[in-house]
Amino acid sequence: MVDIERIEGKRLSEVLDHLVSEKTLVKVCLPAKDYTHLTLILGTEKVKGKNYFSIDLTDELVDIFNSQVVEELMFEFNGPDKVTYRFTTADTITKLGRVLVRFPDVIERIQKRSNFRIKTEPGTLAVFRWEGRKHKLRIENISLGGLYGLTANPQPETLKVGDLLTRVEIAFPVSDQCVLITIEKAVIRRVEHGKRAGRNAYAMEFIEIDRDSRQLLTRQIYDLQRNYLKRRIKF
């Protein structure tokens, strides 16, 4: 499942400003020429009242711009939230060492929901039983397909890759309450011993979850995403 969010107006400017400040590599494509190149967005400016951003003009891009009229450019990059952003635009002005490109009307944020992992709030736990003992993981990130977390205490664990867990209870702290979600079956996919302060880290994949629990998990992930974007990045 792919979800596309449209970024426009002030938020659009904030995205481009972030690319400049973080020196984020962006992929620029010329669809008509079947050409792709990595570049940097150097800054933003106004020309005759219109907003432009500038990109680094490499030797390859010089040849492209000199050999034809560029009607459309497509840009793509990964944001700090590990999600793909994409936009198309035209109207370029070539200057010494750089190209000015007209701001797009919209930037698309393209998210594959099933694979998207989001950082959890402190206190988010996974609780399950293994070999007759209760185990707790402090969840660091989660998706609809699985989670990654560290043991709550620095104690030896016997879990290994391929072990099957049943009825994993996930507790999300929400205000002064707790949202509980049950994963019927999960399998350990990765084990990292002594990852942090003597604690082991585990990545598990959800292989059986009922419809109601999946819907509730989806809602929690959406809420985490919205809160993350509000706090950490302006776009």
C-alpha atoms as a PDB file:
ATOM      1  CA  MET A   1       0.000   0.000   0.000  1.00  0.00           C
ATOM      2  CA  VAL A   2       1.370   3.419  -0.988  1.00  0.00           C
ATOM      3  CA  ASP A   3       0.201   6.633   0.635  1.00  0.00           C
ATOM      4  CA  ILE A   4       0.948   9.972  -1.065  1.00  0.00           C
ATOM      5  CA  GLU A   5       0.812  13.212   0.920  1.00  0.00           C
ATOM      6  CA  ARG A   6       0.833  16.543  -0.923  1.00  0.00           C
ATOM      7  CA  ILE A   7       3.082  19.269   0.507  1.00  0.00           C
ATOM      8  CA  GLU A   8       2.264  22.785  -0.635  1.00  0.00           C
ATOM      9  CA  GLY A   9       2.598  26.452   0.298  1.00  0.00           C
ATOM     10  CA  LYS A  10       4.748  27.369   3.285  1.00  0.00           C
ATOM     11  CA  ARG A  11       5.566  23.742   4.060  1.00  0.00           C
ATOM     12  CA  LEU A  12       7.008  23.357   0.570  1.00  0.00           C
ATOM     13  CA  SER A  13       9.477  26.185   1.216  1.00  0.00           C
ATOM     14  CA  GLU A  14      10.413  24.594   4.536  1.00  0.00           C
ATOM     15  CA  VAL A  15      11.253  21.314   2.788  1.00  0.00           C
ATOM     16  CA  LEU A  16      13.594  23.041   0.330  1.00  0.00           C
ATOM     17  CA  ASP A  17      15.208  25.127   3.093  1.00  0.00           C
ATOM     18  CA  HIS A  18      15.831  21.908   5.034  1.00  0.00           C
ATOM     19  CA  LEU A  19      17.558  20.339   2.014  1.00  0.00           C
ATOM     20  CA  VAL A  20      19.850  23.366   1.802  1.00  0.00           C
ATOM     21  CA  SER A  21      20.732  23.452   5.507  1.00  0.00           C
ATOM     22  CA  GLU A  22      21.324  19.688   5.751  1.00  0.00           C
ATOM     23  CA  LYS A  23      23.176  19.458   2.411  1.00  0.00           C
ATOM     24  CA  THR A  24      20.945  16.555   1.430  1.00  0.00           C
ATOM     25  CA  LEU A  25      21.802  14.772  -1.821  1.00  0.00           C
ATOM     26  CA  VAL A  26      18.901  14.834  -4.269  1.00  0.00           C
ATOM     27  CA  LYS A  27      18.413  12.827  -7.429  1.00  0.00           C
ATOM     28  CA  VAL A  28      17.593  14.934 -10.466  1.00  0.00           C
ATOM     29  CA  CYS A  29      16.082  13.246 -13.521  1.00  0.00           C
ATOM     30  CA  LEU A  30      15.479  14.530 -17.028  1.00  0.00           C
ATOM     31  CA  PRO A  31      12.670  12.225 -18.201  1.00  0.00           C
ATOM     32  CA  ALA A  32      12.939  13.283 -21.856  1.00  0.00           C
ATOM     33  CA  LYS A  33      16.654  12.453 -21.895  1.00  0.00           C
ATOM     34  CA  ASP A  34      16.437   9.366 -19.663  1.00  0.00           C
ATOM     35  CA  TYR A  35      19.166  10.929 -17.529  1.00  0.00           C
ATOM     36  CA  THR A  36      19.672  10.754 -13.750  1.00  0.00           C
ATOM     37  CA  HIS A  37      22.236  12.566 -11.622  1.00  0.00           C
ATOM     38  CA  LEU A  38      22.911  13.312  -7.940  1.00  0.00           C
ATOM     39  CA  THR A  39      23.273  16.926  -6.918  1.00  0.00           C
ATOM     40  CA  LEU A  40      22.853  19.402  -4.051  1.00  0.00           C
ATOM     41  CA  ILE A  41      20.366  22.204  -3.617  1.00  0.00           C
ATOM     42  CA  LEU A  42      22.562  25.209  -2.863  1.00  0.00           C
ATOM     43  CA  GLY A  43      20.006  27.820  -1.843  1.00  0.00           C
ATOM     44  CA  THR A  44      16.753  29.598  -2.641  1.00  0.00           C
ATOM     45  CA  GLU A  45      16.100  33.066  -4.056  1.00  0.00           C
ATOM     46  CA  LYS A  46      13.543  35.204  -5.849  1.00  0.00           C
ATOM     47  CA  VAL A  47      13.807  36.228  -9.496  1.00  0.00           C
ATOM     48  CA  LYS A  48      11.250  38.771 -10.716  1.00  0.00           C
ATOM     49  CA  GLY A  49       8.993  37.875  -7.811  1.00  0.00           C
ATOM     50  CA  LYS A  50       9.135  34.113  -8.441  1.00  0.00           C
ATOM     51  CA  ASN A  51      10.717  31.554  -6.103  1.00  0.00           C
ATOM     52  CA  TYR A  52      13.674  29.526  -7.370  1.00  0.00           C
ATOM     53  CA  PHE A  53      16.149  27.108  -5.860  1.00  0.00           C
ATOM     54  CA  SER A  54      19.661  26.598  -7.201  1.00  0.00           C
ATOM     55  CA  ILE A  55      21.404  23.292  -7.884  1.00  0.00           C
ATOM     56  CA  ASP A  56      25.080  22.559  -8.346  1.00  0.00           C
ATOM     57  CA  LEU A  57      25.951  22.690 -12.057  1.00  0.00           C
ATOM     58  CA  THR A  58      28.326  19.777 -12.695  1.00  0.00           C
ATOM     59  CA  ASP A  59      30.108  19.241 -16.015  1.00  0.00           C
ATOM     60  CA  GLU A  60      27.541  16.608 -16.994  1.00  0.00           C
ATOM     61  CA  LEU A  61      24.648  18.939 -16.303  1.00  0.00           C
ATOM     62  CA  VAL A  62      26.377  21.726 -18.257  1.00  0.00           C
ATOM     63  CA  ASP A  63      26.439  19.462 -21.314  1.00  0.00           C
ATOM     64  CA  ILE A  64      22.780  18.549 -20.839  1.00  0.00           C
ATOM     65  CA  PHE A  65      21.581  22.131 -20.464  1.00  0.00           C
ATOM     66  CA  ASN A  66      23.716  23.319 -23.360  1.00  0.00           C
ATOM     67  CA  SER A  67      22.529  20.597 -25.707  1.00  0.00           C
ATOM     68  CA  GLN A  68      18.769  21.017 -25.343  1.00  0.00           C
ATOM     69  CA  VAL A  69      15.922  23.000 -23.906  1.00  0.00           C
ATOM     70  CA  VAL A  70      15.033  21.406 -20.580  1.00  0.00           C
ATOM     71  CA  GLU A  71      11.246  21.242 -20.365  1.00  0.00           C
ATOM     72  CA  GLU A  72      10.854  19.214 -17.189  1.00  0.00           C
ATOM     73  CA  LEU A  73      12.997  18.108 -14.265  1.00  0.00           C
ATOM     74  CA  MET A  74      12.074  15.502 -11.664  1.00  0.00           C
ATOM     75  CA  PHE A  75      13.677  15.514  -8.215  1.00  0.00           C
ATOM     76  CA  GLU A  76      13.676  12.777  -5.595  1.00  0.00           C
ATOM     77  CA  PHE A  77      15.231  12.501  -2.132  1.00  0.00           C
ATOM     78  CA  ASN A  78      14.875  10.738   1.197  1.00  0.00           C
ATOM     79  CA  GLY A  79      13.703  12.879   4.100  1.00  0.00           C
ATOM     80  CA  PRO A  80      14.892  12.645   7.715  1.00  0.00           C
ATOM     81  CA  ASP A  81      11.863  10.434   8.344  1.00  0.00           C
ATOM     82  CA  LYS A  82      13.288   7.888   5.825  1.00  0.00           C
ATOM     83  CA  VAL A  83      10.415   8.474   3.423  1.00  0.00           C
ATOM     84  CA  THR A  84      10.752   9.274  -0.292  1.00  0.00           C
ATOM     85  CA  TYR A  85       9.858  12.783  -1.483  1.00  0.00           C
ATOM     86  CA  ARG A  86       9.374  13.615  -5.164  1.00  0.00           C
ATOM     87  CA  PHE A  87       8.464  16.622  -7.282  1.00  0.00           C
ATOM     88  CA  THR A  88       8.588  17.816 -10.891  1.00  0.00           C
ATOM     89  CA  THR A  89       9.193  21.326 -12.140  1.00  0.00           C
ATOM     90  CA  ALA A  90      10.406  23.310 -15.146  1.00  0.00           C
ATOM     91  CA  ASP A  91      11.507  26.883 -15.956  1.00  0.00           C
ATOM     92  CA  THR A  92      15.259  27.009 -15.400  1.00  0.00           C
ATOM     93  CA  ILE A  93      17.816  29.800 -15.525  1.00  0.00           C
ATOM     94  CA  THR A  94      21.454  28.854 -16.150  1.00  0.00           C
ATOM     95  CA  LYS A  95      24.081  30.892 -14.336  1.00  0.00           C
ATOM     96  CA  LEU A  96      27.817  30.517 -13.736  1.00  0.00           C
ATOM     97  CA  GLY A  97      28.307  27.302 -11.768  1.00  0.00           C
ATOM     98  CA  ARG A  98      24.635  26.754 -10.955  1.00  0.00           C
ATOM     99  CA  VAL A  99      21.142  26.397 -12.329  1.00  0.00           C
ATOM    100  CA  LEU A 100      18.091  28.143 -10.912  1.00  0.00           C
ATOM    101  CA  VAL A 101      14.982  25.975 -10.938  1.00  0.00           C
ATOM    102  CA  ARG A 102      11.463  27.283 -10.374  1.00  0.00           C
ATOM    103  CA  PHE A 103       9.765  26.089  -7.183  1.00  0.00           C
ATOM    104  CA  PRO A 104       7.356  23.196  -7.836  1.00  0.00           C
ATOM    105  CA  ASP A 105       3.650  23.594  -7.146  1.00  0.00           C
ATOM    106  CA  VAL A 106       3.633  20.537  -4.906  1.00  0.00           C
ATOM    107  CA  ILE A 107       6.003  17.996  -3.349  1.00  0.00           C
ATOM    108  CA  GLU A 108       4.738  14.435  -2.954  1.00  0.00           C
ATOM    109  CA  ARG A 109       5.628  12.466   0.149  1.00  0.00           C
ATOM    110  CA  ILE A 110       5.458   8.829  -0.930  1.00  0.00           C
ATOM    111  CA  GLN A 111       5.202   6.346   1.874  1.00  0.00           C
ATOM    112  CA  LYS A 112       4.953   2.570   1.691  1.00  0.00           C
ATOM    113  CA  ARG A 113       2.919   1.985   4.806  1.00  0.00           C
ATOM    114  CA  SER A 114       3.684  -1.706   5.201  1.00  0.00           C
ATOM    115  CA  ASN A 115       7.447  -1.048   5.396  1.00  0.00           C
ATOM    116  CA  PHE A 116       7.463   2.295   7.165  1.00  0.00           C
ATOM    117  CA  ARG A 117       9.107   2.259  10.590  1.00  0.00           C
ATOM    118  CA  ILE A 118       8.486   5.041  13.077  1.00  0.00           C
ATOM    119  CA  LYS A 119      10.305   5.845  16.309  1.00  0.00           C
ATOM    120  CA  THR A 120       8.163   5.124  19.339  1.00  0.00           C
ATOM    121  CA  GLU A 121       7.497   7.199  22.454  1.00  0.00           C
ATOM    122  CA  PRO A 122       9.464   6.393  25.646  1.00  0.00           C
ATOM    123  CA  GLY A 123       7.716   3.710  27.644  1.00  0.00           C
ATOM    124  CA  THR A 124       6.444   1.724  24.645  1.00  0.00           C
ATOM    125  CA  LEU A 125       6.852  -1.944  25.535  1.00  0.00           C
ATOM    126  CA  ALA A 126       6.498  -5.413  24.057  1.00  0.00           C
ATOM    127  CA  VAL A 127       5.679  -8.098  26.619  1.00  0.00           C
ATOM    128  CA  PHE A 128       5.709 -11.845  25.949  1.00  0.00           C
ATOM    129  CA  ARG A 129       6.531 -15.160  27.596  1.00  0.00           C
ATOM    130  CA  TRP A 130       9.418 -17.362  26.565  1.00  0.00           C
ATOM    131  CA  GLU A 131      10.541 -20.568  28.267  1.00  0.00           C
ATOM    132  CA  GLY A 132       8.198 -19.928  31.178  1.00  0.00           C
ATOM    133  CA  ARG A 133       9.439 -16.409  31.897  1.00  0.00           C
ATOM    134  CA  LYS A 134       8.021 -12.976  31.117  1.00  0.00           C
ATOM    135  CA  HIS A 135      10.172 -10.811  28.860  1.00  0.00           C
ATOM    136  CA  LYS A 136       9.946  -7.081  28.181  1.00  0.00           C
ATOM    137  CA  LEU A 137      11.381  -5.135  25.273  1.00  0.00           C
ATOM    138  CA  ARG A 138      11.620  -1.361  25.179  1.00  0.00           C
ATOM    139  CA  ILE A 139      10.456  -0.742  21.636  1.00  0.00           C
ATOM    140  CA  GLU A 140      12.566   1.750  19.677  1.00  0.00           C
ATOM    141  CA  ASN A 141      10.711   1.635  16.367  1.00  0.00           C
ATOM    142  CA  ILE A 142       7.716  -0.155  14.935  1.00  0.00           C
ATOM    143  CA  SER A 143       5.852  -0.731  11.677  1.00  0.00           C
ATOM    144  CA  LEU A 144       2.838  -2.712  10.557  1.00  0.00           C
ATOM    145  CA  GLY A 145       5.218  -5.551   9.796  1.00  0.00           C
ATOM    146  CA  GLY A 146       7.368  -5.707  12.913  1.00  0.00           C
ATOM    147  CA  LEU A 147       9.317  -3.979  15.653  1.00  0.00           C
ATOM    148  CA  TYR A 148      12.814  -3.399  17.001  1.00  0.00           C
ATOM    149  CA  GLY A 149      13.566  -3.109  20.713  1.00  0.00           C
ATOM    150  CA  LEU A 150      15.995  -3.678  23.556  1.00  0.00           C
ATOM    151  CA  THR A 151      15.581  -5.851  26.634  1.00  0.00           C
ATOM    152  CA  ALA A 152      14.327  -3.885  29.615  1.00  0.00           C
ATOM    153  CA  ASN A 153      17.076  -5.275  31.880  1.00  0.00           C
ATOM    154  CA  PRO A 154      20.719  -6.203  31.219  1.00  0.00           C
ATOM    155  CA  GLN A 155      20.183  -9.916  31.679  1.00  0.00           C
ATOM    156  CA  PRO A 156      21.052 -12.966  29.554  1.00  0.00           C
ATOM    157  CA  GLU A 157      18.415 -13.950  27.010  1.00  0.00           C
ATOM    158  CA  THR A 158      18.008 -17.231  25.183  1.00  0.00           C
ATOM    159  CA  LEU A 159      16.078 -15.974  22.170  1.00  0.00           C
ATOM    160  CA  LYS A 160      17.626 -16.670  18.792  1.00  0.00           C
ATOM    161  CA  VAL A 161      16.840 -15.990  15.140  1.00  0.00           C
ATOM    162  CA  GLY A 162      13.877 -18.046  13.978  1.00  0.00           C
ATOM    163  CA  ASP A 163      12.209 -18.439  17.377  1.00  0.00           C
ATOM    164  CA  LEU A 164       8.416 -18.160  17.203  1.00  0.00           C
ATOM    165  CA  LEU A 165       6.611 -16.044  19.784  1.00  0.00           C
ATOM    166  CA  THR A 166       2.900 -16.146  20.563  1.00  0.00           C
ATOM    167  CA  ARG A 167       0.680 -13.412  21.977  1.00  0.00           C
ATOM    168  CA  VAL A 168       3.110 -10.521  22.069  1.00  0.00           C
ATOM    169  CA  GLU A 169       1.429  -7.650  23.934  1.00  0.00           C
ATOM    170  CA  ILE A 170       2.418  -4.170  22.747  1.00  0.00           C
ATOM    171  CA  ALA A 171       1.713  -1.288  25.138  1.00  0.00           C
ATOM    172  CA  PHE A 172       1.584   2.256  23.737  1.00  0.00           C
ATOM    173  CA  PRO A 173       1.552   5.086  26.314  1.00  0.00           C
ATOM    174  CA  VAL A 174      -1.104   7.600  25.268  1.00  0.00           C
ATOM    175  CA  SER A 175      -1.567  10.591  27.593  1.00  0.00           C
ATOM    176  CA  ASP A 176      -2.280   9.060  31.004  1.00  0.00           C
ATOM    177  CA  GLN A 177      -3.560   5.802  29.529  1.00  0.00           C
ATOM    178  CA  CYS A 178      -2.150   2.766  27.743  1.00  0.00           C
ATOM    179  CA  VAL A 179      -3.240   1.249  24.428  1.00  0.00           C
ATOM    180  CA  LEU A 180      -2.720  -2.522  24.314  1.00  0.00           C
ATOM    181  CA  ILE A 181      -2.395  -4.456  21.052  1.00  0.00           C
ATOM    182  CA  THR A 182      -1.944  -8.208  20.775  1.00  0.00           C
ATOM    183  CA  ILE A 183       0.210  -9.781  18.057  1.00  0.00           C
ATOM    184  CA  GLU A 184      -0.861 -13.413  17.799  1.00  0.00           C
ATOM    185  CA  LYS A 185       2.412 -14.655  16.320  1.00  0.00           C
ATOM    186  CA  ALA A 186       5.812 -13.089  15.679  1.00  0.00           C
ATOM    187  CA  VAL A 187       9.215 -14.459  14.703  1.00  0.00           C
ATOM    188  CA  ILE A 188      12.667 -13.239  15.740  1.00  0.00           C
ATOM    189  CA  ARG A 189      14.535 -12.021  12.647  1.00  0.00           C
ATOM    190  CA  ARG A 190      17.647 -10.430  14.170  1.00  0.00           C
ATOM    191  CA  VAL A 191      19.526 -10.626  17.467  1.00  0.00           C
ATOM    192  CA  GLU A 192      22.138  -8.090  18.599  1.00  0.00           C
ATOM    193  CA  HIS A 193      23.908  -9.102  21.815  1.00  0.00           C
ATOM    194  CA  GLY A 194      25.094  -6.374  24.170  1.00  0.00           C
ATOM    195  CA  LYS A 195      23.723  -3.669  21.897  1.00  0.00           C
ATOM    196  CA  ARG A 196      23.507  -1.004  24.615  1.00  0.00           C
ATOM    197  CA  ALA A 197      24.466  -1.060  28.321  1.00  0.00           C
ATOM    198  CA  GLY A 198      24.569  -4.863  28.280  1.00  0.00           C
ATOM    199  CA  ARG A 199      21.093  -5.121  26.811  1.00  0.00           C
ATOM    200  CA  ASN A 200      20.270  -7.308  23.837  1.00  0.00           C
ATOM    201  CA  ALA A 201      18.335  -5.957  20.881  1.00  0.00           C
ATOM    202  CA  TYR A 202      15.782  -7.899  18.873  1.00  0.00           C
ATOM    203  CA  ALA A 203      13.997  -7.335  15.593  1.00  0.00           C
ATOM    204  CA  MET A 204      10.814  -9.323  15.183  1.00  0.00           C
ATOM    205  CA  GLU A 205       8.418  -9.758  12.289  1.00  0.00           C
ATOM    206  CA  PHE A 206       4.663  -9.970  12.828  1.00  0.00           C
ATOM    207  CA  ILE A 207       3.346 -13.030  11.037  1.00  0.00           C
ATOM    208  CA  GLU A 208      -0.178 -13.235  12.490  1.00  0.00           C
ATOM    209  CA  ILE A 209      -2.340 -10.348  13.676  1.00  0.00           C
ATOM    210  CA  ASP A 210      -6.127 -10.135  13.618  1.00  0.00           C
ATOM    211  CA  ARG A 211      -7.964  -7.399  11.725  1.00  0.00           C
ATOM    212  CA  ASP A 212      -8.986  -5.327  14.753  1.00  0.00           C
ATOM    213  CA  SER A 213      -5.471  -5.348  16.192  1.00  0.00           C
ATOM    214  CA  ARG A 214      -3.991  -4.396  12.831  1.00  0.00           C
ATOM    215  CA  GLN A 215      -6.385  -1.457  12.511  1.00  0.00           C
ATOM    216  CA  LEU A 216      -5.493  -0.295  16.020  1.00  0.00           C
ATOM    217  CA  LEU A 217      -1.773  -0.651  15.284  1.00  0.00           C
ATOM    218  CA  THR A 218      -2.214   1.349  12.075  1.00  0.00           C
ATOM    219  CA  ARG A 219      -3.910   4.119  14.026  1.00  0.00           C
ATOM    220  CA  GLN A 220      -1.076   4.234  16.588  1.00  0.00           C
ATOM    221  CA  ILE A 221       1.559   4.411  13.848  1.00  0.00           C
ATOM    222  CA  TYR A 222      -0.285   7.262  12.130  1.00  0.00           C
ATOM    223  CA  ASP A 223      -0.467   9.153  15.445  1.00  0.00           C
ATOM    224  CA  LEU A 224       3.256   8.608  16.085  1.00  0.00           C
ATOM    225  CA  GLN A 225       4.038   9.852  12.595  1.00  0.00           C
ATOM    226  CA  ARG A 226       2.024  13.044  13.042  1.00  0.00           C
ATOM    227  CA  ASN A 227       3.650  13.774  16.397  1.00  0.00           C
ATOM    228  CA  TYR A 228       7.105  13.072  14.996  1.00  0.00           C
ATOM    229  CA  LEU A 229       6.641  15.470  12.124  1.00  0.00           C
ATOM    230  CA  LYS A 230       5.371  18.199  14.435  1.00  0.00           C
ATOM    231  CA  ARG A 231       8.319  17.910  16.823  1.00  0.00           C
ATOM    232  CA  ARG A 232      11.299  16.951  14.721  1.00  0.00           C
ATOM    233  CA  ILE A 233      10.865  18.444  11.260  1.00  0.00           C
ATOM    234  CA  LYS A 234       8.805  21.309  10.013  1.00  0.00           C
ATOM    235  CA  PHE A 235       7.681  19.457   6.938  1.00  0.00           C
END
